[in-house]
Amino acid sequence: VFTGKVADVQRATAGGFARGSARLTGLGDDSGAVLELAFQNENLVAVRDGEVVVSVPDLICVLDSDSGEPVTTESLRYGLRVSVLGVPCDPRWRTPEGLALAGPGYFGYAHPYVPFTADATTG
């Protein structure tokens, strides 16, 4: 979905959750683009240049670009070079019942769920 460098991280603990956001600036093929990640303990929404590209219940995985190791929301820090991957969820989560339990609306986001597919491309 995106390769870039962490340019800013905002986080706070509220109600037992680590909530926040990270802004990534693009590198390589993604140069000039910006990806915003919103999280609540886990990554919830990825927005590239103002457009939602991945959101719950699909998975948003952040990997250290150098080591390939996973990067948790607590480990995001300024300057870290990362690769962001989208992973489609099990189809049962895409039903009305599944989205009610784990879709964007459950976490307070107004945007509709747009299913991520393994062949999705951005930019």
PDB file of N, CA and C in Angstrom:
ATOM      1  N   VAL A   1       0.826  -1.194   0.000  1.00  0.00           N
ATOM      2  CA  VAL A   1       0.000   0.000   0.000  1.00  0.00           C
ATOM      3  C   VAL A   1       0.868   1.256   0.000  1.00  0.00           C
ATOM      4  N   PHE A   2       2.016   1.207   0.735  1.00  0.00           N
ATOM      5  CA  PHE A   2       2.808   2.432   0.884  1.00  0.00           C
ATOM      6  C   PHE A   2       4.180   2.107   1.444  1.00  0.00           C
ATOM      7  N   THR A   3       5.174   2.835   0.965  1.00  0.00           N
ATOM      8  CA  THR A   3       6.514   2.777   1.544  1.00  0.00           C
ATOM      9  C   THR A   3       6.918   4.199   1.877  1.00  0.00           C
ATOM     10  N   GLY A   4       7.334   4.416   3.121  1.00  0.00           N
ATOM     11  CA  GLY A   4       7.682   5.770   3.503  1.00  0.00           C
ATOM     12  C   GLY A   4       8.423   5.852   4.816  1.00  0.00           C
ATOM     13  N   LYS A   5       8.496   7.081   5.306  1.00  0.00           N
ATOM     14  CA  LYS A   5       9.205   7.391   6.535  1.00  0.00           C
ATOM     15  C   LYS A   5       8.233   8.070   7.490  1.00  0.00           C
ATOM     16  N   VAL A   6       8.296   7.702   8.764  1.00  0.00           N
ATOM     17  CA  VAL A   6       7.427   8.314   9.766  1.00  0.00           C
ATOM     18  C   VAL A   6       7.859   9.766   9.950  1.00  0.00           C
ATOM     19  N   ALA A   7       6.948  10.696   9.674  1.00  0.00           N
ATOM     20  CA  ALA A   7       7.226  12.121   9.790  1.00  0.00           C
ATOM     21  C   ALA A   7       6.669  12.708  11.078  1.00  0.00           C
ATOM     22  N   ASP A   8       5.636  12.081  11.637  1.00  0.00           N
ATOM     23  CA  ASP A   8       5.029  12.597  12.868  1.00  0.00           C
ATOM     24  C   ASP A   8       4.198  11.496  13.502  1.00  0.00           C
ATOM     25  N   VAL A   9       4.191  11.456  14.821  1.00  0.00           N
ATOM     26  CA  VAL A   9       3.352  10.517  15.571  1.00  0.00           C
ATOM     27  C   VAL A   9       2.717  11.278  16.718  1.00  0.00           C
ATOM     28  N   GLN A  10       1.415  11.130  16.860  1.00  0.00           N
ATOM     29  CA  GLN A  10       0.671  11.695  17.986  1.00  0.00           C
ATOM     30  C   GLN A  10      -0.019  10.542  18.680  1.00  0.00           C
ATOM     31  N   ARG A  11       0.156  10.431  20.010  1.00  0.00           N
ATOM     32  CA  ARG A  11      -0.539   9.353  20.724  1.00  0.00           C
ATOM     33  C   ARG A  11      -0.866   9.805  22.128  1.00  0.00           C
ATOM     34  N   ALA A  12      -1.939   9.211  22.644  1.00  0.00           N
ATOM     35  CA  ALA A  12      -2.382   9.466  24.013  1.00  0.00           C
ATOM     36  C   ALA A  12      -3.100   8.221  24.499  1.00  0.00           C
ATOM     37  N   THR A  13      -3.088   8.021  25.797  1.00  0.00           N
ATOM     38  CA  THR A  13      -3.822   6.906  26.380  1.00  0.00           C
ATOM     39  C   THR A  13      -5.129   7.450  26.924  1.00  0.00           C
ATOM     40  N   ALA A  14      -6.234   6.862  26.485  1.00  0.00           N
ATOM     41  CA  ALA A  14      -7.557   7.299  26.927  1.00  0.00           C
ATOM     42  C   ALA A  14      -8.465   6.083  27.015  1.00  0.00           C
ATOM     43  N   GLY A  15      -9.115   5.918  28.153  1.00  0.00           N
ATOM     44  CA  GLY A  15     -10.051   4.809  28.317  1.00  0.00           C
ATOM     45  C   GLY A  15      -9.393   3.449  28.190  1.00  0.00           C
ATOM     46  N   GLY A  16      -8.117   3.356  28.541  1.00  0.00           N
ATOM     47  CA  GLY A  16      -7.412   2.087  28.454  1.00  0.00           C
ATOM     48  C   GLY A  16      -6.871   1.757  27.076  1.00  0.00           C
ATOM     49  N   PHE A  17      -6.994   2.686  26.136  1.00  0.00           N
ATOM     50  CA  PHE A  17      -6.520   2.461  24.772  1.00  0.00           C
ATOM     51  C   PHE A  17      -5.406   3.442  24.426  1.00  0.00           C
ATOM     52  N   ALA A  18      -4.444   2.982  23.659  1.00  0.00           N
ATOM     53  CA  ALA A  18      -3.441   3.864  23.071  1.00  0.00           C
ATOM     54  C   ALA A  18      -4.026   4.354  21.751  1.00  0.00           C
ATOM     55  N   ARG A  19      -4.431   5.608  21.718  1.00  0.00           N
ATOM     56  CA  ARG A  19      -5.054   6.187  20.526  1.00  0.00           C
ATOM     57  C   ARG A  19      -4.112   7.205  19.912  1.00  0.00           C
ATOM     58  N   GLY A  20      -4.184   7.311  18.599  1.00  0.00           N
ATOM     59  CA  GLY A  20      -3.356   8.317  17.967  1.00  0.00           C
ATOM     60  C   GLY A  20      -3.321   8.204  16.466  1.00  0.00           C
ATOM     61  N   SER A  21      -2.305   8.868  15.906  1.00  0.00           N
ATOM     62  CA  SER A  21      -2.146   8.875  14.458  1.00  0.00           C
ATOM     63  C   SER A  21      -0.668   9.020  14.118  1.00  0.00           C
ATOM     64  N   ALA A  22      -0.343   8.615  12.923  1.00  0.00           N
ATOM     65  CA  ALA A  22       1.011   8.773  12.401  1.00  0.00           C
ATOM     66  C   ALA A  22       0.908   9.279  10.971  1.00  0.00           C
ATOM     67  N   ARG A  23       1.801  10.189  10.635  1.00  0.00           N
ATOM     68  CA  ARG A  23       1.870  10.705   9.266  1.00  0.00           C
ATOM     69  C   ARG A  23       3.162  10.188   8.643  1.00  0.00           C
ATOM     70  N   LEU A  24       3.032   9.544   7.484  1.00  0.00           N
ATOM     71  CA  LEU A  24       4.179   8.995   6.772  1.00  0.00           C
ATOM     72  C   LEU A  24       4.363   9.754   5.466  1.00  0.00           C
ATOM     73  N   THR A  25       5.600  10.059   5.129  1.00  0.00           N
ATOM     74  CA  THR A  25       5.893  10.677   3.839  1.00  0.00           C
ATOM     75  C   THR A  25       6.496   9.615   2.929  1.00  0.00           C
ATOM     76  N   GLY A  26       6.080   9.618   1.687  1.00  0.00           N
ATOM     77  CA  GLY A  26       6.445   8.567   0.759  1.00  0.00           C
ATOM     78  C   GLY A  26       7.901   8.562   0.329  1.00  0.00           C
ATOM     79  N   LEU A  27       8.392   7.357   0.064  1.00  0.00           N
ATOM     80  CA  LEU A  27       9.737   7.139  -0.463  1.00  0.00           C
ATOM     81  C   LEU A  27       9.637   6.291  -1.729  1.00  0.00           C
ATOM     82  N   GLY A  28      10.643   6.375  -2.581  1.00  0.00           N
ATOM     83  CA  GLY A  28      10.662   5.557  -3.796  1.00  0.00           C
ATOM     84  C   GLY A  28       9.463   5.837  -4.680  1.00  0.00           C
ATOM     85  N   ASP A  29       8.748   4.791  -5.062  1.00  0.00           N
ATOM     86  CA  ASP A  29       7.562   4.938  -5.913  1.00  0.00           C
ATOM     87  C   ASP A  29       6.473   5.772  -5.255  1.00  0.00           C
ATOM     88  N   ASP A  30       6.502   5.903  -3.934  1.00  0.00           N
ATOM     89  CA  ASP A  30       5.490   6.671  -3.205  1.00  0.00           C
ATOM     90  C   ASP A  30       5.958   8.088  -2.875  1.00  0.00           C
ATOM     91  N   SER A  31       7.093   8.501  -3.417  1.00  0.00           N
ATOM     92  CA  SER A  31       7.628   9.833  -3.176  1.00  0.00           C
ATOM     93  C   SER A  31       6.586  10.891  -3.534  1.00  0.00           C
ATOM     94  N   GLY A  32       6.423  11.865  -2.660  1.00  0.00           N
ATOM     95  CA  GLY A  32       5.446  12.932  -2.869  1.00  0.00           C
ATOM     96  C   GLY A  32       4.084  12.646  -2.279  1.00  0.00           C
ATOM     97  N   ALA A  33       3.827  11.402  -1.900  1.00  0.00           N
ATOM     98  CA  ALA A  33       2.536  11.028  -1.303  1.00  0.00           C
ATOM     99  C   ALA A  33       2.647  11.049   0.223  1.00  0.00           C
ATOM    100  N   VAL A  34       1.491  11.147   0.868  1.00  0.00           N
ATOM    101  CA  VAL A  34       1.408  11.130   2.331  1.00  0.00           C
ATOM    102  C   VAL A  34       0.384  10.082   2.735  1.00  0.00           C
ATOM    103  N   LEU A  35       0.734   9.285   3.738  1.00  0.00           N
ATOM    104  CA  LEU A  35      -0.193   8.300   4.291  1.00  0.00           C
ATOM    105  C   LEU A  35      -0.416   8.633   5.753  1.00  0.00           C
ATOM    106  N   GLU A  36      -1.680   8.743   6.141  1.00  0.00           N
ATOM    107  CA  GLU A  36      -2.046   8.966   7.539  1.00  0.00           C
ATOM    108  C   GLU A  36      -2.582   7.661   8.098  1.00  0.00           C
ATOM    109  N   LEU A  37      -2.040   7.226   9.223  1.00  0.00           N
ATOM    110  CA  LEU A  37      -2.529   6.046   9.929  1.00  0.00           C
ATOM    111  C   LEU A  37      -3.239   6.498  11.189  1.00  0.00           C
ATOM    112  N   ALA A  38      -4.428   5.978  11.435  1.00  0.00           N
ATOM    113  CA  ALA A  38      -5.136   6.207  12.698  1.00  0.00           C
ATOM    114  C   ALA A  38      -5.147   4.882  13.438  1.00  0.00           C
ATOM    115  N   PHE A  39      -4.904   4.942  14.747  1.00  0.00           N
ATOM    116  CA  PHE A  39      -4.854   3.698  15.510  1.00  0.00           C
ATOM    117  C   PHE A  39      -5.514   3.828  16.872  1.00  0.00           C
ATOM    118  N   GLN A  40      -5.936   2.700  17.374  1.00  0.00           N
ATOM    119  CA  GLN A  40      -6.450   2.530  18.734  1.00  0.00           C
ATOM    120  C   GLN A  40      -5.928   1.161  19.170  1.00  0.00           C
ATOM    121  N   ASN A  41      -4.747   1.140  19.730  1.00  0.00           N
ATOM    122  CA  ASN A  41      -3.975  -0.072  20.025  1.00  0.00           C
ATOM    123  C   ASN A  41      -3.518  -0.756  18.739  1.00  0.00           C
ATOM    124  N   GLU A  42      -4.362  -0.880  17.758  1.00  0.00           N
ATOM    125  CA  GLU A  42      -4.034  -1.472  16.453  1.00  0.00           C
ATOM    126  C   GLU A  42      -4.336  -0.444  15.367  1.00  0.00           C
ATOM    127  N   ASN A  43      -3.751  -0.633  14.204  1.00  0.00           N
ATOM    128  CA  ASN A  43      -4.019   0.269  13.081  1.00  0.00           C
ATOM    129  C   ASN A  43      -5.452   0.076  12.606  1.00  0.00           C
ATOM    130  N   LEU A  44      -6.176   1.187  12.473  1.00  0.00           N
ATOM    131  CA  LEU A  44      -7.589   1.129  12.104  1.00  0.00           C
ATOM    132  C   LEU A  44      -7.868   1.631  10.695  1.00  0.00           C
ATOM    133  N   VAL A  45      -7.218   2.712  10.306  1.00  0.00           N
ATOM    134  CA  VAL A  45      -7.508   3.343   9.016  1.00  0.00           C
ATOM    135  C   VAL A  45      -6.206   3.862   8.408  1.00  0.00           C
ATOM    136  N   ALA A  46      -6.034   3.640   7.110  1.00  0.00           N
ATOM    137  CA  ALA A  46      -4.915   4.202   6.356  1.00  0.00           C
ATOM    138  C   ALA A  46      -5.497   5.091   5.264  1.00  0.00           C
ATOM    139  N   VAL A  47      -5.096   6.361   5.270  1.00  0.00           N
ATOM    140  CA  VAL A  47      -5.605   7.341   4.317  1.00  0.00           C
ATOM    141  C   VAL A  47      -4.426   7.880   3.509  1.00  0.00           C
ATOM    142  N   ARG A  48      -4.466   7.643   2.203  1.00  0.00           N
ATOM    143  CA  ARG A  48      -3.393   8.102   1.314  1.00  0.00           C
ATOM    144  C   ARG A  48      -3.879   9.321   0.547  1.00  0.00           C
ATOM    145  N   ASP A  49      -3.194  10.443   0.744  1.00  0.00           N
ATOM    146  CA  ASP A  49      -3.530  11.681   0.041  1.00  0.00           C
ATOM    147  C   ASP A  49      -5.025  11.970   0.090  1.00  0.00           C
ATOM    148  N   GLY A  50      -5.630  11.786   1.266  1.00  0.00           N
ATOM    149  CA  GLY A  50      -7.031  12.110   1.478  1.00  0.00           C
ATOM    150  C   GLY A  50      -8.020  11.007   1.150  1.00  0.00           C
ATOM    151  N   GLU A  51      -7.559   9.875   0.646  1.00  0.00           N
ATOM    152  CA  GLU A  51      -8.451   8.773   0.271  1.00  0.00           C
ATOM    153  C   GLU A  51      -8.182   7.546   1.142  1.00  0.00           C
ATOM    154  N   VAL A  52      -9.255   6.999   1.727  1.00  0.00           N
ATOM    155  CA  VAL A  52      -9.111   5.784   2.531  1.00  0.00           C
ATOM    156  C   VAL A  52      -8.685   4.646   1.608  1.00  0.00           C
ATOM    157  N   VAL A  53      -7.553   3.996   1.949  1.00  0.00           N
ATOM    158  CA  VAL A  53      -7.073   2.880   1.130  1.00  0.00           C
ATOM    159  C   VAL A  53      -7.222   1.538   1.842  1.00  0.00           C
ATOM    160  N   VAL A  54      -7.214   1.541   3.167  1.00  0.00           N
ATOM    161  CA  VAL A  54      -7.449   0.325   3.952  1.00  0.00           C
ATOM    162  C   VAL A  54      -8.080   0.745   5.265  1.00  0.00           C
ATOM    163  N   SER A  55      -9.081  -0.010   5.716  1.00  0.00           N
ATOM    164  CA  SER A  55      -9.644   0.231   7.045  1.00  0.00           C
ATOM    165  C   SER A  55     -10.140  -1.086   7.625  1.00  0.00           C
ATOM    166  N   VAL A  56     -10.351  -1.044   8.938  1.00  0.00           N
ATOM    167  CA  VAL A  56     -10.906  -2.219   9.601  1.00  0.00           C
ATOM    168  C   VAL A  56     -12.242  -2.554   8.955  1.00  0.00           C
ATOM    169  N   PRO A  57     -12.571  -3.834   8.861  1.00  0.00           N
ATOM    170  CA  PRO A  57     -11.942  -4.985   9.496  1.00  0.00           C
ATOM    171  C   PRO A  57     -10.754  -5.577   8.739  1.00  0.00           C
ATOM    172  N   ASP A  58     -10.391  -5.027   7.562  1.00  0.00           N
ATOM    173  CA  ASP A  58      -9.176  -5.494   6.898  1.00  0.00           C
ATOM    174  C   ASP A  58      -7.984  -5.116   7.774  1.00  0.00           C
ATOM    175  N   LEU A  59      -6.881  -5.817   7.598  1.00  0.00           N
ATOM    176  CA  LEU A  59      -5.710  -5.592   8.437  1.00  0.00           C
ATOM    177  C   LEU A  59      -4.761  -4.595   7.794  1.00  0.00           C
ATOM    178  N   ILE A  60      -4.182  -3.742   8.634  1.00  0.00           N
ATOM    179  CA  ILE A  60      -3.157  -2.798   8.213  1.00  0.00           C
ATOM    180  C   ILE A  60      -1.893  -3.180   8.970  1.00  0.00           C
ATOM    181  N   CYS A  61      -0.899  -3.654   8.241  1.00  0.00           N
ATOM    182  CA  CYS A  61       0.348  -4.122   8.853  1.00  0.00           C
ATOM    183  C   CYS A  61       1.469  -3.152   8.506  1.00  0.00           C
ATOM    184  N   VAL A  62       2.248  -2.781   9.505  1.00  0.00           N
ATOM    185  CA  VAL A  62       3.388  -1.894   9.307  1.00  0.00           C
ATOM    186  C   VAL A  62       4.653  -2.694   9.596  1.00  0.00           C
ATOM    187  N   LEU A  63       5.578  -2.683   8.636  1.00  0.00           N
ATOM    188  CA  LEU A  63       6.831  -3.423   8.768  1.00  0.00           C
ATOM    189  C   LEU A  63       8.015  -2.475   8.661  1.00  0.00           C
ATOM    190  N   ASP A  64       9.058  -2.749   9.424  1.00  0.00           N
ATOM    191  CA  ASP A  64      10.312  -2.019   9.307  1.00  0.00           C
ATOM    192  C   ASP A  64      10.889  -2.341   7.922  1.00  0.00           C
ATOM    193  N   SER A  65      11.140  -1.322   7.117  1.00  0.00           N
ATOM    194  CA  SER A  65      11.605  -1.550   5.742  1.00  0.00           C
ATOM    195  C   SER A  65      12.982  -2.197   5.685  1.00  0.00           C
ATOM    196  N   ASP A  66      13.793  -1.994   6.711  1.00  0.00           N
ATOM    197  CA  ASP A  66      15.139  -2.571   6.713  1.00  0.00           C
ATOM    198  C   ASP A  66      15.150  -4.019   7.183  1.00  0.00           C
ATOM    199  N   SER A  67      14.442  -4.301   8.281  1.00  0.00           N
ATOM    200  CA  SER A  67      14.506  -5.642   8.881  1.00  0.00           C
ATOM    201  C   SER A  67      13.343  -6.548   8.496  1.00  0.00           C
ATOM    202  N   GLY A  68      12.222  -5.953   8.070  1.00  0.00           N
ATOM    203  CA  GLY A  68      11.023  -6.739   7.790  1.00  0.00           C
ATOM    204  C   GLY A  68      10.241  -7.096   9.034  1.00  0.00           C
ATOM    205  N   GLU A  69      10.711  -6.652  10.197  1.00  0.00           N
ATOM    206  CA  GLU A  69      10.027  -6.931  11.460  1.00  0.00           C
ATOM    207  C   GLU A  69       8.759  -6.085  11.569  1.00  0.00           C
ATOM    208  N   PRO A  70       7.722  -6.618  12.247  1.00  0.00           N
ATOM    209  CA  PRO A  70       6.514  -5.824  12.457  1.00  0.00           C
ATOM    210  C   PRO A  70       6.798  -4.619  13.353  1.00  0.00           C
ATOM    211  N   VAL A  71       6.073  -3.539  13.093  1.00  0.00           N
ATOM    212  CA  VAL A  71       6.182  -2.322  13.892  1.00  0.00           C
ATOM    213  C   VAL A  71       4.828  -2.093  14.545  1.00  0.00           C
ATOM    214  N   THR A  72       4.780  -2.148  15.867  1.00  0.00           N
ATOM    215  CA  THR A  72       3.531  -1.912  16.591  1.00  0.00           C
ATOM    216  C   THR A  72       3.245  -0.418  16.650  1.00  0.00           C
ATOM    217  N   THR A  73       2.025  -0.069  17.013  1.00  0.00           N
ATOM    218  CA  THR A  73       1.686   1.349  17.139  1.00  0.00           C
ATOM    219  C   THR A  73       2.544   2.015  18.207  1.00  0.00           C
ATOM    220  N   GLU A  74       2.919   1.274  19.244  1.00  0.00           N
ATOM    221  CA  GLU A  74       3.767   1.826  20.304  1.00  0.00           C
ATOM    222  C   GLU A  74       5.197   2.057  19.820  1.00  0.00           C
ATOM    223  N   SER A  75       5.616   1.336  18.775  1.00  0.00           N
ATOM    224  CA  SER A  75       6.996   1.421  18.277  1.00  0.00           C
ATOM    225  C   SER A  75       7.182   2.446  17.164  1.00  0.00           C
ATOM    226  N   LEU A  76       6.093   3.012  16.655  1.00  0.00           N
ATOM    227  CA  LEU A  76       6.220   4.023  15.604  1.00  0.00           C
ATOM    228  C   LEU A  76       6.987   5.218  16.155  1.00  0.00           C
ATOM    229  N   ARG A  77       8.016   5.661  15.421  1.00  0.00           N
ATOM    230  CA  ARG A  77       8.798   6.810  15.866  1.00  0.00           C
ATOM    231  C   ARG A  77       9.296   7.591  14.653  1.00  0.00           C
ATOM    232  N   TYR A  78       9.547   8.860  14.887  1.00  0.00           N
ATOM    233  CA  TYR A  78      10.013   9.752  13.836  1.00  0.00           C
ATOM    234  C   TYR A  78      11.245   9.165  13.139  1.00  0.00           C
ATOM    235  N   GLY A  79      11.221   9.212  11.814  1.00  0.00           N
ATOM    236  CA  GLY A  79      12.361   8.804  11.013  1.00  0.00           C
ATOM    237  C   GLY A  79      12.393   7.341  10.618  1.00  0.00           C
ATOM    238  N   LEU A  80      11.565   6.509  11.251  1.00  0.00           N
ATOM    239  CA  LEU A  80      11.551   5.083  10.938  1.00  0.00           C
ATOM    240  C   LEU A  80      11.049   4.872   9.515  1.00  0.00           C
ATOM    241  N   ARG A  81      11.766   4.077   8.742  1.00  0.00           N
ATOM    242  CA  ARG A  81      11.360   3.751   7.370  1.00  0.00           C
ATOM    243  C   ARG A  81      10.518   2.486   7.420  1.00  0.00           C
ATOM    244  N   VAL A  82       9.317   2.582   6.859  1.00  0.00           N
ATOM    245  CA  VAL A  82       8.362   1.483   6.979  1.00  0.00           C
ATOM    246  C   VAL A  82       7.698   1.155   5.644  1.00  0.00           C
ATOM    247  N   SER A  83       7.170  -0.059   5.593  1.00  0.00           N
ATOM    248  CA  SER A  83       6.304  -0.497   4.498  1.00  0.00           C
ATOM    249  C   SER A  83       4.959  -0.834   5.112  1.00  0.00           C
ATOM    250  N   VAL A  84       3.890  -0.329   4.514  1.00  0.00           N
ATOM    251  CA  VAL A  84       2.538  -0.561   5.019  1.00  0.00           C
ATOM    252  C   VAL A  84       1.839  -1.519   4.063  1.00  0.00           C
ATOM    253  N   LEU A  85       1.312  -2.597   4.630  1.00  0.00           N
ATOM    254  CA  LEU A  85       0.623  -3.618   3.844  1.00  0.00           C
ATOM    255  C   LEU A  85      -0.846  -3.680   4.238  1.00  0.00           C
ATOM    256  N   GLY A  86      -1.699  -3.975   3.285  1.00  0.00           N
ATOM    257  CA  GLY A  86      -3.097  -4.266   3.567  1.00  0.00           C
ATOM    258  C   GLY A  86      -3.326  -5.755   3.385  1.00  0.00           C
ATOM    259  N   VAL A  87      -4.124  -6.333   4.266  1.00  0.00           N
ATOM    260  CA  VAL A  87      -4.448  -7.755   4.179  1.00  0.00           C
ATOM    261  C   VAL A  87      -5.964  -7.891   4.248  1.00  0.00           C
ATOM    262  N   PRO A  88      -6.592  -8.469   3.220  1.00  0.00           N
ATOM    263  CA  PRO A  88      -8.052  -8.628   3.256  1.00  0.00           C
ATOM    264  C   PRO A  88      -8.485  -9.503   4.431  1.00  0.00           C
ATOM    265  N   CYS A  89      -9.587  -9.112   5.058  1.00  0.00           N
ATOM    266  CA  CYS A  89     -10.129  -9.886   6.177  1.00  0.00           C
ATOM    267  C   CYS A  89     -10.932 -11.084   5.653  1.00  0.00           C
ATOM    268  N   ASP A  90     -11.293 -11.963   6.569  1.00  0.00           N
ATOM    269  CA  ASP A  90     -12.186 -13.074   6.251  1.00  0.00           C
ATOM    270  C   ASP A  90     -13.513 -12.480   5.766  1.00  0.00           C
ATOM    271  N   PRO A  91     -14.118 -13.037   4.731  1.00  0.00           N
ATOM    272  CA  PRO A  91     -15.369 -12.492   4.191  1.00  0.00           C
ATOM    273  C   PRO A  91     -16.491 -12.342   5.221  1.00  0.00           C
ATOM    274  N   ARG A  92     -16.485 -13.128   6.271  1.00  0.00           N
ATOM    275  CA  ARG A  92     -17.544 -13.006   7.285  1.00  0.00           C
ATOM    276  C   ARG A  92     -17.526 -11.649   7.975  1.00  0.00           C
ATOM    277  N   TRP A  93     -16.334 -11.022   8.068  1.00  0.00           N
ATOM    278  CA  TRP A  93     -16.258  -9.694   8.681  1.00  0.00           C
ATOM    279  C   TRP A  93     -16.865  -8.630   7.778  1.00  0.00           C
ATOM    280  N   ARG A  94     -17.069  -8.935   6.512  1.00  0.00           N
ATOM    281  CA  ARG A  94     -17.609  -7.964   5.561  1.00  0.00           C
ATOM    282  C   ARG A  94     -19.133  -7.977   5.491  1.00  0.00           C
ATOM    283  N   THR A  95     -19.758  -8.852   6.261  1.00  0.00           N
ATOM    284  CA  THR A  95     -21.220  -8.888   6.328  1.00  0.00           C
ATOM    285  C   THR A  95     -21.700  -7.717   7.180  1.00  0.00           C
ATOM    286  N   PRO A  96     -22.974  -7.347   7.098  1.00  0.00           N
ATOM    287  CA  PRO A  96     -23.481  -6.280   7.967  1.00  0.00           C
ATOM    288  C   PRO A  96     -23.216  -6.561   9.449  1.00  0.00           C
ATOM    289  N   GLU A  97     -23.357  -7.823   9.845  1.00  0.00           N
ATOM    290  CA  GLU A  97     -23.116  -8.178  11.252  1.00  0.00           C
ATOM    291  C   GLU A  97     -21.634  -8.006  11.611  1.00  0.00           C
ATOM    292  N   GLY A  98     -20.757  -8.431  10.731  1.00  0.00           N
ATOM    293  CA  GLY A  98     -19.320  -8.293  10.974  1.00  0.00           C
ATOM    294  C   GLY A  98     -18.886  -6.842  11.028  1.00  0.00           C
ATOM    295  N   LEU A  99     -19.398  -6.031  10.104  1.00  0.00           N
ATOM    296  CA  LEU A  99     -19.048  -4.612  10.091  1.00  0.00           C
ATOM    297  C   LEU A  99     -19.583  -3.886  11.319  1.00  0.00           C
ATOM    298  N   ALA A 100     -20.735  -4.331  11.831  1.00  0.00           N
ATOM    299  CA  ALA A 100     -21.275  -3.722  13.054  1.00  0.00           C
ATOM    300  C   ALA A 100     -20.351  -3.968  14.244  1.00  0.00           C
ATOM    301  N   LEU A 101     -19.639  -5.086  14.220  1.00  0.00           N
ATOM    302  CA  LEU A 101     -18.741  -5.446  15.327  1.00  0.00           C
ATOM    303  C   LEU A 101     -17.322  -4.913  15.164  1.00  0.00           C
ATOM    304  N   ALA A 102     -16.869  -4.696  13.933  1.00  0.00           N
ATOM    305  CA  ALA A 102     -15.460  -4.344  13.734  1.00  0.00           C
ATOM    306  C   ALA A 102     -15.215  -3.457  12.519  1.00  0.00           C
ATOM    307  N   GLY A 103     -16.248  -2.811  12.017  1.00  0.00           N
ATOM    308  CA  GLY A 103     -16.081  -1.927  10.870  1.00  0.00           C
ATOM    309  C   GLY A 103     -15.695  -0.525  11.301  1.00  0.00           C
ATOM    310  N   PRO A 104     -15.476   0.367  10.346  1.00  0.00           N
ATOM    311  CA  PRO A 104     -15.080   1.737  10.667  1.00  0.00           C
ATOM    312  C   PRO A 104     -16.055   2.442  11.613  1.00  0.00           C
ATOM    313  N   GLY A 105     -17.355   2.234  11.407  1.00  0.00           N
ATOM    314  CA  GLY A 105     -18.352   2.886  12.255  1.00  0.00           C
ATOM    315  C   GLY A 105     -18.254   2.494  13.713  1.00  0.00           C
ATOM    316  N   TYR A 106     -17.889   1.256  13.984  1.00  0.00           N
ATOM    317  CA  TYR A 106     -17.744   0.797  15.370  1.00  0.00           C
ATOM    318  C   TYR A 106     -16.702   1.628  16.114  1.00  0.00           C
ATOM    319  N   PHE A 107     -15.677   2.076  15.400  1.00  0.00           N
ATOM    320  CA  PHE A 107     -14.601   2.852  16.011  1.00  0.00           C
ATOM    321  C   PHE A 107     -14.803   4.357  15.866  1.00  0.00           C
ATOM    322  N   GLY A 108     -15.988   4.753  15.357  1.00  0.00           N
ATOM    323  CA  GLY A 108     -16.319   6.166  15.286  1.00  0.00           C
ATOM    324  C   GLY A 108     -15.965   6.863  13.988  1.00  0.00           C
ATOM    325  N   TYR A 109     -15.610   6.118  12.960  1.00  0.00           N
ATOM    326  CA  TYR A 109     -15.277   6.728  11.677  1.00  0.00           C
ATOM    327  C   TYR A 109     -16.516   6.785  10.802  1.00  0.00           C
ATOM    328  N   ALA A 110     -16.710   7.921  10.128  1.00  0.00           N
ATOM    329  CA  ALA A 110     -17.913   8.128   9.325  1.00  0.00           C
ATOM    330  C   ALA A 110     -17.800   7.543   7.918  1.00  0.00           C
ATOM    331  N   HIS A 111     -16.600   7.279   7.447  1.00  0.00           N
ATOM    332  CA  HIS A 111     -16.456   6.800   6.070  1.00  0.00           C
ATOM    333  C   HIS A 111     -17.007   5.384   5.932  1.00  0.00           C
ATOM    334  N   PRO A 112     -17.560   5.084   4.764  1.00  0.00           N
ATOM    335  CA  PRO A 112     -18.056   3.719   4.536  1.00  0.00           C
ATOM    336  C   PRO A 112     -16.884   2.755   4.379  1.00  0.00           C
ATOM    337  N   TYR A 113     -17.132   1.499   4.681  1.00  0.00           N
ATOM    338  CA  TYR A 113     -16.117   0.470   4.498  1.00  0.00           C
ATOM    339  C   TYR A 113     -15.954   0.183   3.014  1.00  0.00           C
ATOM    340  N   VAL A 114     -14.729   0.220   2.542  1.00  0.00           N
ATOM    341  CA  VAL A 114     -14.396  -0.156   1.171  1.00  0.00           C
ATOM    342  C   VAL A 114     -13.480  -1.369   1.266  1.00  0.00           C
ATOM    343  N   PRO A 115     -13.931  -2.537   0.805  1.00  0.00           N
ATOM    344  CA  PRO A 115     -13.120  -3.751   0.937  1.00  0.00           C
ATOM    345  C   PRO A 115     -11.754  -3.620   0.262  1.00  0.00           C
ATOM    346  N   PHE A 116     -10.727  -4.013   0.990  1.00  0.00           N
ATOM    347  CA  PHE A 116      -9.381  -4.065   0.425  1.00  0.00           C
ATOM    348  C   PHE A 116      -9.217  -5.406  -0.276  1.00  0.00           C
ATOM    349  N   THR A 117      -8.595  -5.389  -1.444  1.00  0.00           N
ATOM    350  CA  THR A 117      -8.338  -6.641  -2.155  1.00  0.00           C
ATOM    351  C   THR A 117      -6.836  -6.800  -2.343  1.00  0.00           C
ATOM    352  N   ALA A 118      -6.394  -8.036  -2.420  1.00  0.00           N
ATOM    353  CA  ALA A 118      -4.964  -8.327  -2.537  1.00  0.00           C
ATOM    354  C   ALA A 118      -4.350  -7.708  -3.785  1.00  0.00           C
ATOM    355  N   ASP A 119      -5.161  -7.467  -4.820  1.00  0.00           N
ATOM    356  CA  ASP A 119      -4.616  -6.884  -6.045  1.00  0.00           C
ATOM    357  C   ASP A 119      -4.828  -5.374  -6.118  1.00  0.00           C
ATOM    358  N   ALA A 120      -5.273  -4.763  -5.010  1.00  0.00           N
ATOM    359  CA  ALA A 120      -5.498  -3.317  -4.994  1.00  0.00           C
ATOM    360  C   ALA A 120      -4.172  -2.585  -5.156  1.00  0.00           C
ATOM    361  N   THR A 121      -4.198  -1.527  -5.928  1.00  0.00           N
ATOM    362  CA  THR A 121      -3.020  -0.687  -6.081  1.00  0.00           C
ATOM    363  C   THR A 121      -3.412   0.736  -5.766  1.00  0.00           C
ATOM    364  N   THR A 122      -2.431   1.530  -5.377  1.00  0.00           N
ATOM    365  CA  THR A 122      -2.683   2.935  -5.074  1.00  0.00           C
ATOM    366  C   THR A 122      -1.661   3.773  -5.813  1.00  0.00           C
ATOM    367  N   GLY A 123      -1.982   5.062  -5.881  1.00  0.00           N
ATOM    368  CA  GLY A 123      -1.027   6.012  -6.451  1.00  0.00           C
ATOM    369  C   GLY A 123      -0.866   5.860  -7.876  1.00  0.00           C
TER     370      GLY A 123
END
